[in-house]
Amino acid sequence: MAKQPLHRFVCQSCGAVYPKWSGKCEACHEWNTIVEETVEPTASRASKSKRRLTFSGLEGSAEPPARIGTSIAELDRVLGGGLVPASVVLVGGDPGIGKSTLLLQTACRLSATGQKVIYISGEEAIEQIRMRARRLELHAPTLELAASINVSDIAATLETDTPPGLVIIDSIQTMWLDTIESAPGSVAQVRACAFELIRLAKKRGFALILVGHVTKEGGLAGPRVMEHMVDAVMYFEGDRGHQFRILRAAKNRFGATDEIGVFAMTDRGLVEVPNPSALFLAERHGNIAGSAVFAGLEGTRPVLLEVQALLSPKASDGSPRRAVVGWDTGRLSMLLAVLEARCGLKLAGMDVYLNFAGGLRVTEPAADLAAAAAIISAATGQPTSAGSVFFGEIGLSGEIRQVPQSDLRLREAQKLGFTTAVSPRRVARGAARTKPPAGLELQELGHLSSLVAAMGGNGTREPEED
């Protein structure tokens, strides 16, 4: 007797499965995202042949495959040195942020080097891609274009033709497999289409780039399992109101995670920014209270950013407002509590606004000291020194903790002409002090109250360990 098809209800936002329909997904708390899907049962049959596995040692004799350079240095940096043959990269980002633009530029540059590159679009017609290429002044006569959403047709083509060096699928949410009874973009379709394309890339040895849409929270749409199926996941960050675009590696089996590439959006497409620190600080004005420079680290790249703080009396009898751009709101609340409880700085009746200028979102705790310096400067009305940079993590007792890669941060500050770096004190008594580059003075602080006192605050300086 033939088995009947199974019916299940799957959230199209996060991939959670439910036995019956409901209006709200309890996993991601989204409304009206649960859709019924039909799962065709497969006949169970015993395998006719059982082959033993052949094991190999960790030290192999074969040389690792050479990476494929994309001719875009910022993209190669995020990838860890270029594309790895038979690897799969997932690129996500908000609509209009520049995903298709960057990949079309990459395809044209690789094609110009003699690589066979295939660009398959499920969202645009071939003539639309050509119009975009003409607008961006891109020329690649050997680039192969196709417009299709049928994965079976795509697989048949890639199985028979000469294996390319790179295949770009734009986007995975538009792909459709005729063996799955659901609409394109559904969880079942995205998972099945991704699996089929990844299988082909591993079998034929070509690099595969999949474009993925994102939800309004910024996560990749479709099941989270797709992130585990691929080798690298890259996200485009940045506000479309800013010219900067940040390409960040959230996962990379062949390179460092949290590595970033910086681009500027122009009328000729995305342009590399080899020195983002200089551009992030280009519009900074000195001698203004509420501003400080943070010496940060994104992956292996040091980046200097301006931190801006603004304090104003709260407008009503309710709770004071805490608004943050480019940083964690919870981190700001903790920092304000430490400034009040440990340093005597009265901020309870003030609205606090904090901004990391440039559109880059900062996640590392080393930004605590720079944010604190900007807030103290705004509270006291005393500007920080125009030639100073700050970095260090702040604990709940007000102590300033060490952060990694201080040497990289100091060299970047010295390269851009800064003369003073305010950083945490050495870890323990007798430990070697960090040697700053020539021309850069190092000011080490052990407690946040020292910074408050130095900037004219009313905090009481606590004793520091020698």
Protein backbone atom coordinates (compact mmCIF):
# COMPACT_ATOMS: atom_id res chain seq x y z
CA MET A 1 0.00 0.00 0.00
CA ALA A 2 1.37 3.37 -1.03
CA LYS A 3 2.15 5.78 1.77
CA GLN A 4 0.14 8.98 1.94
CA PRO A 5 1.93 12.34 1.70
CA LEU A 6 2.75 13.94 5.02
CA HIS A 7 1.64 17.46 5.86
CA ARG A 8 3.55 19.74 8.17
CA PHE A 9 3.61 23.45 8.95
CA VAL A 10 6.94 25.27 8.62
CA CYS A 11 7.88 28.84 9.55
CA GLN A 12 9.28 30.55 6.45
CA SER A 13 11.37 32.89 8.59
CA CYS A 14 13.32 30.52 10.84
CA GLY A 15 12.45 27.00 9.64
CA ALA A 16 10.67 25.80 12.80
CA VAL A 17 8.28 22.87 12.20
CA TYR A 18 4.81 22.56 13.83
CA PRO A 19 2.18 19.81 13.68
CA LYS A 20 -0.61 22.36 13.05
CA TRP A 21 -1.02 25.90 11.85
CA SER A 22 -0.83 28.89 14.18
CA GLY A 23 -0.64 32.60 13.58
CA LYS A 24 2.59 33.20 15.49
CA CYS A 25 5.87 31.28 15.38
CA GLU A 26 7.01 30.56 18.93
CA ALA A 27 10.63 30.20 17.83
CA CYS A 28 11.20 33.56 16.12
CA HIS A 29 7.99 35.34 17.27
CA GLU A 30 7.03 36.32 13.71
CA TRP A 31 3.36 36.54 12.69
CA ASN A 32 1.78 34.88 9.63
CA THR A 33 4.97 33.10 8.53
CA ILE A 34 3.80 29.49 9.09
CA VAL A 35 2.90 27.73 5.82
CA GLU A 36 1.69 24.19 5.17
CA GLU A 37 4.10 22.00 3.20
CA THR A 38 3.67 18.54 1.73
CA VAL A 39 6.40 15.95 2.20
CA GLU A 40 6.36 13.05 -0.23
CA PRO A 41 7.31 9.76 1.49
CA THR A 42 10.20 7.79 0.01
CA ALA A 43 10.07 4.04 -0.37
CA SER A 44 12.47 2.26 1.93
CA ARG A 45 14.65 -0.26 0.21
CA ALA A 46 17.72 -2.15 1.24
CA SER A 47 21.01 -1.21 -0.29
CA LYS A 48 22.28 -3.80 -2.77
CA SER A 49 25.93 -3.11 -2.17
CA LYS A 50 27.75 -2.25 1.03
CA ARG A 51 31.23 -0.88 0.46
CA ARG A 52 33.75 -0.41 3.19
CA LEU A 53 35.15 3.08 3.69
CA THR A 54 38.75 3.85 2.84
CA PHE A 55 40.47 5.94 5.48
CA SER A 56 43.33 8.36 4.92
CA GLY A 57 45.81 9.99 7.24
CA LEU A 58 45.84 13.65 8.23
CA GLU A 59 49.12 14.25 6.41
CA GLY A 60 48.35 13.86 2.73
CA SER A 61 50.76 13.85 -0.20
CA ALA A 62 48.61 16.01 -2.48
CA GLU A 63 49.14 19.77 -2.50
CA PRO A 64 46.15 21.88 -1.41
CA PRO A 65 44.30 23.44 -4.34
CA ALA A 66 45.38 26.92 -5.31
CA ARG A 67 42.95 29.70 -4.42
CA ILE A 68 41.25 31.68 -7.15
CA GLY A 69 41.99 35.39 -6.78
CA THR A 70 38.99 37.59 -7.52
CA SER A 71 41.12 40.66 -8.44
CA ILE A 72 39.22 42.53 -5.70
CA ALA A 73 41.57 42.81 -2.73
CA GLU A 74 38.88 43.56 -0.14
CA LEU A 75 36.83 40.53 -1.21
CA ASP A 76 39.92 38.31 -1.18
CA ARG A 77 40.69 39.52 2.36
CA VAL A 78 37.24 38.47 3.61
CA LEU A 79 37.48 35.12 1.82
CA GLY A 80 40.85 34.43 3.43
CA GLY A 81 42.95 34.89 0.29
CA GLY A 82 40.56 34.09 -2.56
CA LEU A 83 38.00 31.50 -3.59
CA VAL A 84 38.74 27.85 -2.80
CA PRO A 85 37.79 25.38 -5.56
CA ALA A 86 34.72 23.25 -4.67
CA SER A 87 33.78 25.69 -1.91
CA VAL A 88 30.34 27.27 -1.37
CA VAL A 89 29.93 30.87 -0.21
CA LEU A 90 26.63 32.38 0.95
CA VAL A 91 26.29 36.17 0.62
CA GLY A 92 23.46 37.95 2.46
CA GLY A 93 22.39 41.55 2.88
CA ASP A 94 19.51 44.00 2.69
CA PRO A 95 17.88 44.67 -0.69
CA GLY A 96 19.78 47.28 -2.69
CA ILE A 97 22.90 47.22 -0.52
CA GLY A 98 25.16 46.01 -3.35
CA LYS A 99 25.21 42.18 -3.39
CA SER A 100 24.47 41.76 -7.09
CA THR A 101 26.70 44.70 -7.99
CA LEU A 102 29.73 43.24 -6.21
CA LEU A 103 29.17 39.77 -7.65
CA LEU A 104 28.77 41.09 -11.19
CA GLN A 105 32.02 43.03 -10.77
CA THR A 106 33.70 39.89 -9.44
CA ALA A 107 32.38 37.79 -12.34
CA CYS A 108 33.62 40.29 -14.93
CA ARG A 109 37.10 40.58 -13.39
CA LEU A 110 37.51 36.81 -13.06
CA SER A 111 36.28 36.28 -16.59
CA ALA A 112 38.85 38.79 -17.85
CA THR A 113 41.64 36.64 -16.34
CA GLY A 114 40.61 33.62 -18.41
CA GLN A 115 38.47 31.82 -15.83
CA LYS A 116 35.20 30.33 -17.01
CA VAL A 117 32.50 32.11 -14.98
CA ILE A 118 28.75 31.43 -15.09
CA TYR A 119 26.26 33.96 -13.72
CA ILE A 120 22.71 32.58 -13.31
CA SER A 121 20.00 35.00 -12.23
CA GLY A 122 16.54 34.06 -11.03
CA GLU A 123 15.47 37.66 -10.47
CA GLU A 124 16.62 39.53 -13.59
CA ALA A 125 16.44 38.93 -17.30
CA ILE A 126 19.69 38.74 -19.24
CA GLU A 127 19.09 42.15 -20.82
CA GLN A 128 18.65 43.71 -17.38
CA ILE A 129 22.03 42.31 -16.31
CA ARG A 130 23.57 43.76 -19.48
CA MET A 131 22.05 47.17 -18.73
CA ARG A 132 23.57 47.10 -15.25
CA ALA A 133 26.95 46.11 -16.66
CA ARG A 134 26.84 49.00 -19.14
CA ARG A 135 25.94 51.43 -16.37
CA LEU A 136 28.89 50.19 -14.31
CA GLU A 137 31.15 50.22 -17.41
CA LEU A 138 31.97 46.53 -17.05
CA HIS A 139 33.31 44.58 -20.02
CA ALA A 140 33.62 40.79 -20.06
CA PRO A 141 32.85 39.21 -23.46
CA THR A 142 33.52 35.68 -22.17
CA LEU A 143 31.19 35.89 -19.15
CA GLU A 144 28.34 33.38 -19.56
CA LEU A 145 24.89 34.63 -18.47
CA ALA A 146 21.64 32.72 -17.96
CA ALA A 147 18.23 33.49 -16.48
CA SER A 148 16.56 30.47 -14.90
CA ILE A 149 14.91 29.33 -11.68
CA ASN A 150 14.74 25.62 -12.47
CA VAL A 151 17.47 23.82 -10.54
CA SER A 152 16.99 20.65 -12.59
CA ASP A 153 17.89 22.54 -15.77
CA ILE A 154 20.83 24.23 -14.05
CA ALA A 155 22.11 20.88 -12.74
CA ALA A 156 21.82 19.22 -16.14
CA THR A 157 23.85 22.04 -17.70
CA LEU A 158 26.58 21.99 -15.07
CA GLU A 159 26.80 18.19 -15.19
CA THR A 160 27.55 18.00 -18.92
CA ASP A 161 29.51 21.15 -19.78
CA THR A 162 33.16 21.82 -18.99
CA PRO A 163 33.41 22.62 -15.27
CA PRO A 164 33.63 26.39 -14.71
CA GLY A 165 35.85 28.11 -12.20
CA LEU A 166 32.96 29.99 -10.56
CA VAL A 167 29.17 29.76 -10.59
CA ILE A 168 27.03 32.57 -9.13
CA ILE A 169 23.36 31.93 -8.25
CA ASP A 170 21.35 35.13 -7.68
CA SER A 171 19.41 34.28 -5.59
CA ILE A 172 18.80 30.96 -3.81
CA GLN A 173 15.30 32.09 -2.70
CA THR A 174 14.15 32.23 -6.33
CA MET A 175 15.31 28.73 -7.22
CA TRP A 176 12.74 25.94 -7.73
CA LEU A 177 13.03 22.15 -7.77
CA ASP A 178 10.17 20.30 -9.44
CA THR A 179 10.36 17.35 -7.02
CA ILE A 180 9.33 19.58 -4.08
CA GLU A 181 5.67 20.55 -3.86
CA SER A 182 6.01 24.07 -2.50
CA ALA A 183 6.54 27.57 -3.81
CA PRO A 184 10.00 29.05 -4.51
CA GLY A 185 11.44 30.67 -1.38
CA SER A 186 9.80 28.21 1.01
CA VAL A 187 11.92 26.40 3.57
CA ALA A 188 11.66 23.06 1.76
CA GLN A 189 12.59 24.55 -1.62
CA VAL A 190 15.53 26.58 -0.26
CA ARG A 191 16.95 23.57 1.56
CA ALA A 192 16.53 21.18 -1.38
CA CYS A 193 17.84 23.61 -4.01
CA ALA A 194 20.85 24.52 -1.89
CA PHE A 195 21.67 20.85 -1.29
CA GLU A 196 21.51 20.02 -5.00
CA LEU A 197 23.72 22.96 -6.01
CA ILE A 198 26.23 22.27 -3.23
CA ARG A 199 26.41 18.61 -4.28
CA LEU A 200 27.25 19.70 -7.82
CA ALA A 201 29.94 22.13 -6.65
CA LYS A 202 31.66 19.46 -4.54
CA LYS A 203 31.40 16.86 -7.32
CA ARG A 204 32.54 19.04 -10.23
CA GLY A 205 35.07 21.11 -8.26
CA PHE A 206 33.87 24.64 -9.06
CA ALA A 207 33.45 27.48 -6.57
CA LEU A 208 29.82 28.39 -5.92
CA ILE A 209 28.43 31.69 -4.61
CA LEU A 210 24.80 31.80 -3.47
CA VAL A 211 23.00 35.09 -2.84
CA GLY A 212 20.53 34.98 0.06
CA HIS A 213 17.81 37.41 1.07
CA VAL A 214 17.64 38.59 4.66
CA THR A 215 14.75 39.08 7.06
CA LYS A 216 13.89 42.43 8.63
CA GLU A 217 15.98 41.42 11.67
CA GLY A 218 19.03 41.05 9.41
CA GLY A 219 19.28 37.23 9.46
CA LEU A 220 19.30 35.08 6.36
CA ALA A 221 15.81 34.16 5.24
CA GLY A 222 14.97 30.48 5.09
CA PRO A 223 16.21 27.69 7.35
CA ARG A 224 19.27 28.26 9.49
CA VAL A 225 20.50 24.86 8.34
CA MET A 226 21.56 26.48 5.06
CA GLU A 227 24.33 28.30 6.93
CA HIS A 228 25.69 24.95 8.13
CA MET A 229 25.64 23.52 4.61
CA VAL A 230 27.96 26.13 3.11
CA ASP A 231 31.67 26.78 3.72
CA ALA A 232 31.52 30.54 4.23
CA VAL A 233 28.82 33.06 5.13
CA MET A 234 29.29 36.76 4.36
CA TYR A 235 26.97 39.62 5.25
CA PHE A 236 26.77 43.09 3.77
CA GLU A 237 26.42 45.75 6.46
CA GLY A 238 25.86 49.47 6.27
CA ASP A 239 23.05 51.94 5.90
CA ARG A 240 22.05 52.82 2.36
CA GLY A 241 22.20 56.44 3.51
CA HIS A 242 25.97 56.04 3.96
CA GLN A 243 28.41 55.51 1.13
CA PHE A 244 30.32 52.79 2.98
CA ARG A 245 29.51 49.09 2.67
CA ILE A 246 31.03 46.54 5.04
CA LEU A 247 31.38 42.93 3.90
CA ARG A 248 31.83 40.76 7.01
CA ALA A 249 32.63 37.04 7.23
CA ALA A 250 30.34 35.45 9.83
CA LYS A 251 31.65 31.95 9.04
CA ASN A 252 34.65 30.82 7.04
CA ARG A 253 36.14 27.34 6.95
CA PHE A 254 39.14 28.61 5.02
CA GLY A 255 39.94 31.89 6.78
CA ALA A 256 39.37 34.14 9.76
CA THR A 257 35.84 34.92 10.90
CA ASP A 258 34.75 38.51 11.56
CA GLU A 259 37.15 39.66 8.85
CA ILE A 260 35.81 42.70 7.02
CA GLY A 261 36.18 44.30 3.63
CA VAL A 262 35.29 47.97 3.18
CA PHE A 263 33.76 49.36 0.00
CA ALA A 264 32.36 52.71 -1.06
CA MET A 265 29.23 52.80 -3.22
CA THR A 266 29.65 55.06 -6.26
CA ASP A 267 27.90 55.55 -9.58
CA ARG A 268 30.40 53.05 -11.02
CA GLY A 269 29.63 50.35 -8.48
CA LEU A 270 31.52 49.33 -5.36
CA VAL A 271 35.03 50.73 -5.00
CA GLU A 272 37.57 49.25 -2.60
CA VAL A 273 38.64 51.27 0.43
CA PRO A 274 42.18 50.09 1.28
CA ASN A 275 42.53 52.48 4.26
CA PRO A 276 39.09 52.72 5.93
CA SER A 277 40.41 54.45 9.06
CA ALA A 278 41.36 57.57 7.11
CA LEU A 279 37.91 57.79 5.51
CA PHE A 280 36.03 57.09 8.76
CA LEU A 281 37.90 59.99 10.40
CA ALA A 282 37.90 62.32 7.37
CA GLU A 283 34.99 64.45 8.64
CA ARG A 284 36.01 64.47 12.29
CA HIS A 285 36.29 67.90 13.92
CA GLY A 286 38.62 68.36 16.88
CA ASN A 287 38.00 70.33 20.08
CA ILE A 288 34.36 69.32 20.34
CA ALA A 289 33.05 67.87 23.59
CA GLY A 290 31.53 64.42 23.30
CA SER A 291 33.91 62.98 20.70
CA ALA A 292 36.63 60.32 21.02
CA VAL A 293 38.54 58.04 18.64
CA PHE A 294 38.35 54.28 19.13
CA ALA A 295 41.20 52.04 17.99
CA GLY A 296 39.26 48.91 17.05
CA LEU A 297 40.01 45.59 15.45
CA GLU A 298 37.81 43.88 12.87
CA GLY A 299 39.15 40.40 12.19
CA THR A 300 42.83 41.02 11.53
CA ARG A 301 42.37 44.63 10.41
CA PRO A 302 42.80 47.59 12.78
CA VAL A 303 40.18 50.30 12.23
CA LEU A 304 39.94 53.75 13.83
CA LEU A 305 36.42 55.15 14.35
CA GLU A 306 34.98 58.29 15.86
CA VAL A 307 32.63 57.79 18.82
CA GLN A 308 30.15 60.62 19.41
CA ALA A 309 28.11 61.20 22.57
CA LEU A 310 25.41 63.76 23.30
CA LEU A 311 23.75 64.39 26.67
CA SER A 312 20.61 66.45 27.20
CA PRO A 313 18.17 66.82 30.12
CA LYS A 314 15.33 64.34 29.81
CA ALA A 315 12.25 65.88 28.27
CA SER A 316 9.59 64.34 30.53
CA ASP A 317 9.04 62.70 33.91
CA GLY A 318 9.52 59.23 32.46
CA SER A 319 12.68 57.22 32.09
CA PRO A 320 15.63 58.89 30.36
CA ARG A 321 16.23 57.86 26.77
CA ARG A 322 19.18 55.73 25.68
CA ALA A 323 19.72 55.77 21.90
CA VAL A 324 22.65 53.95 20.26
CA VAL A 325 23.79 53.68 16.64
CA GLY A 326 26.44 51.08 15.80
CA TRP A 327 26.81 49.59 19.32
CA ASP A 328 24.96 47.41 21.81
CA THR A 329 22.30 49.21 23.87
CA GLY A 330 22.84 46.85 26.81
CA ARG A 331 26.54 47.68 26.80
CA LEU A 332 25.74 51.39 27.01
CA SER A 333 23.38 50.86 29.96
CA MET A 334 26.08 48.93 31.81
CA LEU A 335 28.66 51.63 31.10
CA LEU A 336 26.36 54.40 32.38
CA ALA A 337 25.72 52.40 35.56
CA VAL A 338 29.47 52.02 36.16
CA LEU A 339 30.05 55.75 35.61
CA GLU A 340 27.39 56.57 38.21
CA ALA A 341 28.11 53.90 40.81
CA ARG A 342 31.90 53.74 40.61
CA CYS A 343 32.93 57.18 39.38
CA GLY A 344 30.29 59.53 40.83
CA LEU A 345 29.20 60.91 37.48
CA LYS A 346 25.49 61.91 37.68
CA LEU A 347 23.72 60.81 34.50
CA ALA A 348 20.35 59.57 35.79
CA GLY A 349 18.47 62.67 34.66
CA MET A 350 20.05 62.85 31.20
CA ASP A 351 19.06 61.50 27.80
CA VAL A 352 22.13 59.80 26.31
CA TYR A 353 22.77 59.47 22.56
CA LEU A 354 25.78 57.49 21.32
CA ASN A 355 26.92 57.07 17.72
CA PHE A 356 29.78 55.20 16.06
CA ALA A 357 30.19 57.31 12.94
CA GLY A 358 30.65 55.75 9.50
CA GLY A 359 28.02 53.00 9.50
CA LEU A 360 30.21 50.23 10.96
CA ARG A 361 28.66 48.17 13.77
CA VAL A 362 31.13 47.55 16.60
CA THR A 363 30.81 44.39 18.69
CA GLU A 364 34.11 44.04 20.56
CA PRO A 365 34.29 45.03 24.27
CA ALA A 366 37.43 47.08 23.58
CA ALA A 367 35.14 49.97 22.58
CA ASP A 368 34.09 50.51 26.23
CA LEU A 369 36.87 52.97 27.05
CA ALA A 370 36.35 55.09 23.93
CA ALA A 371 32.58 55.24 24.55
CA ALA A 372 33.20 56.18 28.18
CA ALA A 373 35.63 58.93 27.12
CA ALA A 374 33.03 60.40 24.75
CA ILE A 375 30.32 60.32 27.45
CA ILE A 376 32.61 61.87 30.10
CA SER A 377 33.65 64.55 27.62
CA ALA A 378 30.00 65.36 26.86
CA ALA A 379 29.15 65.46 30.59
CA THR A 380 32.06 67.71 31.60
CA GLY A 381 32.17 69.85 28.45
CA GLN A 382 35.91 69.18 28.09
CA PRO A 383 36.96 67.86 24.65
CA THR A 384 39.31 64.91 24.45
CA SER A 385 42.71 65.52 22.91
CA ALA A 386 42.52 65.57 19.11
CA GLY A 387 45.63 63.39 18.97
CA SER A 388 44.40 60.65 21.35
CA VAL A 389 42.89 57.23 20.72
CA PHE A 390 41.20 54.98 23.29
CA PHE A 391 40.73 51.24 23.68
CA GLY A 392 40.02 48.96 26.63
CA GLU A 393 37.29 46.88 28.22
CA ILE A 394 35.55 48.15 31.38
CA GLY A 395 34.44 45.80 34.17
CA LEU A 396 31.54 46.27 36.55
CA SER A 397 33.84 47.53 39.30
CA GLY A 398 35.23 50.19 36.96
CA GLU A 399 38.55 48.46 36.25
CA ILE A 400 39.96 48.75 32.74
CA ARG A 401 40.83 45.33 31.33
CA GLN A 402 43.32 44.27 28.68
CA VAL A 403 42.21 43.62 25.10
CA PRO A 404 43.96 41.57 22.40
CA GLN A 405 46.23 42.80 19.63
CA SER A 406 47.26 46.09 21.24
CA ASP A 407 50.29 46.35 18.95
CA LEU A 408 48.13 46.40 15.81
CA ARG A 409 45.93 49.14 17.25
CA LEU A 410 48.92 51.26 18.26
CA ARG A 411 50.60 50.94 14.86
CA GLU A 412 47.41 52.01 13.08
CA ALA A 413 47.09 55.04 15.38
CA GLN A 414 50.72 56.02 14.81
CA LYS A 415 50.32 55.63 11.04
CA LEU A 416 47.43 58.11 11.00
CA GLY A 417 49.33 60.72 13.00
CA PHE A 418 47.94 60.24 16.52
CA THR A 419 50.34 61.07 19.35
CA THR A 420 48.69 59.51 22.43
CA ALA A 421 47.02 56.17 23.13
CA VAL A 422 44.95 55.65 26.29
CA SER A 423 44.90 51.94 27.08
CA PRO A 424 44.59 49.46 29.99
CA ARG A 425 47.45 48.96 32.40
CA ARG A 426 49.63 45.86 32.24
CA VAL A 427 47.93 42.63 33.29
CA ALA A 428 49.94 41.82 36.41
CA ARG A 429 52.72 43.19 38.57
CA GLY A 430 56.06 42.66 36.83
CA ALA A 431 54.55 42.04 33.39
CA ALA A 432 56.24 43.68 30.43
CA ARG A 433 54.69 46.92 29.29
CA THR A 434 53.51 47.35 25.74
CA LYS A 435 56.11 49.23 23.73
CA PRO A 436 54.41 51.86 21.57
CA PRO A 437 55.71 52.84 18.11
CA ALA A 438 58.04 55.80 17.79
CA GLY A 439 56.23 59.12 18.24
CA LEU A 440 53.25 57.61 20.12
CA GLU A 441 52.92 58.13 23.88
CA LEU A 442 51.14 55.42 25.86
CA GLN A 443 48.93 56.39 28.83
CA GLU A 444 47.91 53.34 30.86
CA LEU A 445 44.87 53.51 33.15
CA GLY A 446 43.80 50.98 35.76
CA HIS A 447 40.38 52.39 36.72
CA LEU A 448 37.73 54.44 34.95
CA SER A 449 37.69 57.02 37.76
CA SER A 450 41.20 58.06 36.68
CA LEU A 451 39.83 59.13 33.30
CA VAL A 452 36.90 60.96 34.96
CA ALA A 453 39.29 62.87 37.24
CA ALA A 454 41.65 63.73 34.37
CA MET A 455 38.78 65.20 32.35
CA GLY A 456 37.45 67.39 35.16
CA GLY A 457 34.70 65.12 36.46
CA ASN A 458 33.61 64.99 40.09
CA GLY A 459 34.50 61.33 40.57
CA THR A 460 36.84 60.23 43.33
CA ARG A 461 39.96 58.53 42.11
CA GLU A 462 40.32 55.03 43.46
CA PRO A 463 43.70 53.56 44.34
CA GLU A 464 45.45 51.60 41.60
CA GLU A 465 47.67 48.59 41.95
CA ASP A 466 51.33 49.22 41.12
